[in-house]
């Protein structure tokens, strides 16, 4: 429940910040629906989702240390790949990605604390 609530909260904050900052995309509005770029929703959700998945796996599944490190590196690579693709495709500026990572990191921290608190 904590993960679901923080996921919904992060989506609401993405929408709120996009409308509050109203920063145009690098190549303009392509679809007519989502024309604002700051913060990157893909970067926010990728960091939150894969970070939370990594936290839950490490919290509730017994893994060897090397497997945990490899899993963490895989998730980090996946997050960075998603972020790079958003800049490469021209949907975001690099600062949009940094803002998305910051927002996703805040919600990841809140969700991890809630999960650990509720588990005990």
Protein backbone atom coordinates (compact mmCIF):
# COMPACT_ATOMS: atom_id res chain seq x y z
CA UNK A 1 0.00 0.00 0.00
CA UNK A 2 2.88 2.37 0.81
CA UNK A 3 4.45 1.73 -2.59
CA UNK A 4 1.16 2.34 -4.39
CA UNK A 5 0.47 5.58 -2.53
CA UNK A 6 3.93 6.99 -3.16
CA UNK A 7 3.72 5.98 -6.83
CA UNK A 8 0.45 7.88 -7.15
CA UNK A 9 1.97 10.79 -5.25
CA UNK A 10 4.97 10.94 -7.56
CA UNK A 11 2.69 10.96 -10.61
CA UNK A 12 0.68 13.82 -9.13
CA UNK A 13 3.84 15.80 -8.38
CA UNK A 14 5.13 15.24 -11.92
CA UNK A 15 1.89 16.68 -13.28
CA UNK A 16 1.95 19.56 -10.79
CA UNK A 17 5.55 20.52 -11.56
CA UNK A 18 5.06 20.23 -15.33
CA UNK A 19 2.13 22.65 -15.21
CA UNK A 20 3.83 24.92 -12.68
CA UNK A 21 7.11 25.29 -14.60
CA UNK A 22 5.59 25.00 -18.11
CA UNK A 23 8.96 24.45 -19.77
CA UNK A 24 8.69 23.64 -23.47
CA UNK A 25 10.31 20.52 -24.88
CA UNK A 26 13.55 20.94 -26.87
CA UNK A 27 11.87 20.31 -30.23
CA UNK A 28 8.49 21.74 -29.26
CA UNK A 29 5.20 19.98 -28.74
CA UNK A 30 4.98 16.92 -30.95
CA UNK A 31 1.71 15.27 -29.92
CA UNK A 32 -0.42 18.14 -28.69
CA UNK A 33 -1.05 16.48 -25.31
CA UNK A 34 2.07 16.62 -23.16
CA UNK A 35 4.03 19.67 -24.24
CA UNK A 36 6.02 20.37 -21.08
CA UNK A 37 9.34 18.79 -20.22
CA UNK A 38 10.31 19.61 -16.63
CA UNK A 39 10.66 17.26 -14.74
CA UNK A 40 11.03 14.13 -16.80
CA UNK A 41 8.29 11.71 -15.87
CA UNK A 42 10.18 8.78 -17.37
CA UNK A 43 13.29 9.54 -15.29
CA UNK A 44 11.21 10.01 -12.14
CA UNK A 45 9.24 6.80 -12.50
CA UNK A 46 12.27 4.77 -13.68
CA UNK A 47 14.34 5.80 -10.67
CA UNK A 48 11.43 5.26 -8.31
CA UNK A 49 10.25 1.94 -9.75
CA UNK A 50 13.59 0.21 -10.24
CA UNK A 51 14.98 1.66 -7.02
CA UNK A 52 11.96 0.42 -5.08
CA UNK A 53 12.16 -2.97 -6.78
CA UNK A 54 15.83 -3.20 -5.79
CA UNK A 55 15.02 -2.18 -2.21
CA UNK A 56 12.21 -4.73 -1.90
CA UNK A 57 14.36 -7.51 -3.33
CA UNK A 58 17.21 -6.69 -0.96
CA UNK A 59 14.82 -6.37 1.99
CA UNK A 60 12.82 -9.56 1.53
CA UNK A 61 14.95 -11.95 -0.56
CA UNK A 62 18.21 -13.48 0.63
CA UNK A 63 20.81 -12.90 -2.07
CA UNK A 64 24.52 -13.46 -2.19
CA UNK A 65 26.44 -10.21 -1.98
CA UNK A 66 27.76 -10.44 -5.55
CA UNK A 67 24.25 -11.08 -6.91
CA UNK A 68 22.98 -8.03 -5.03
CA UNK A 69 25.75 -5.88 -6.50
CA UNK A 70 25.11 -7.16 -10.03
CA UNK A 71 21.39 -6.58 -9.66
CA UNK A 72 22.04 -3.03 -8.41
CA UNK A 73 24.36 -2.33 -11.34
CA UNK A 74 21.81 -3.71 -13.78
CA UNK A 75 19.04 -1.49 -12.39
CA UNK A 76 21.35 1.55 -12.36
CA UNK A 77 22.30 0.89 -15.99
CA UNK A 78 18.65 0.53 -16.94
CA UNK A 79 17.73 3.82 -15.22
CA UNK A 80 20.58 5.67 -16.92
CA UNK A 81 19.69 4.15 -20.27
CA UNK A 82 16.09 5.36 -19.97
CA UNK A 83 17.30 8.83 -18.97
CA UNK A 84 19.81 9.00 -21.83
CA UNK A 85 17.17 7.92 -24.33
CA UNK A 86 14.91 10.83 -23.31
CA UNK A 87 17.68 13.35 -24.02
CA UNK A 88 18.82 11.56 -27.18
CA UNK A 89 15.30 11.51 -28.64
CA UNK A 90 14.93 15.22 -27.95
CA UNK A 91 12.08 15.03 -25.47
CA UNK A 92 14.05 16.48 -22.55
CA UNK A 93 16.94 18.71 -21.59
CA UNK A 94 19.55 17.18 -19.25
CA UNK A 95 18.24 19.38 -16.43
CA UNK A 96 14.81 17.78 -16.86
CA UNK A 97 16.43 14.42 -16.17
CA UNK A 98 18.20 15.75 -13.07
CA UNK A 99 14.90 17.17 -11.80
CA UNK A 100 13.19 13.85 -12.47
CA UNK A 101 15.91 11.96 -10.61
CA UNK A 102 15.59 14.35 -7.67
CA UNK A 103 11.81 13.92 -7.51
CA UNK A 104 12.04 10.15 -7.96
CA UNK A 105 14.73 9.93 -5.29
CA UNK A 106 12.58 11.79 -2.78
CA UNK A 107 9.63 9.47 -3.35
CA UNK A 108 11.90 6.42 -3.31
CA UNK A 109 13.26 7.48 0.07
CA UNK A 110 9.77 8.07 1.46
CA UNK A 111 8.52 4.72 0.15
CA UNK A 112 11.55 2.82 1.49
CA UNK A 113 11.13 4.37 4.93
CA UNK A 114 7.41 3.58 4.92
CA UNK A 115 7.98 -0.02 3.86
CA UNK A 116 10.63 -0.55 6.52
CA UNK A 117 8.50 1.17 9.18
CA UNK A 118 5.34 -0.78 8.32
CA UNK A 119 7.23 -4.08 8.05
CA UNK A 120 8.45 -3.77 11.63
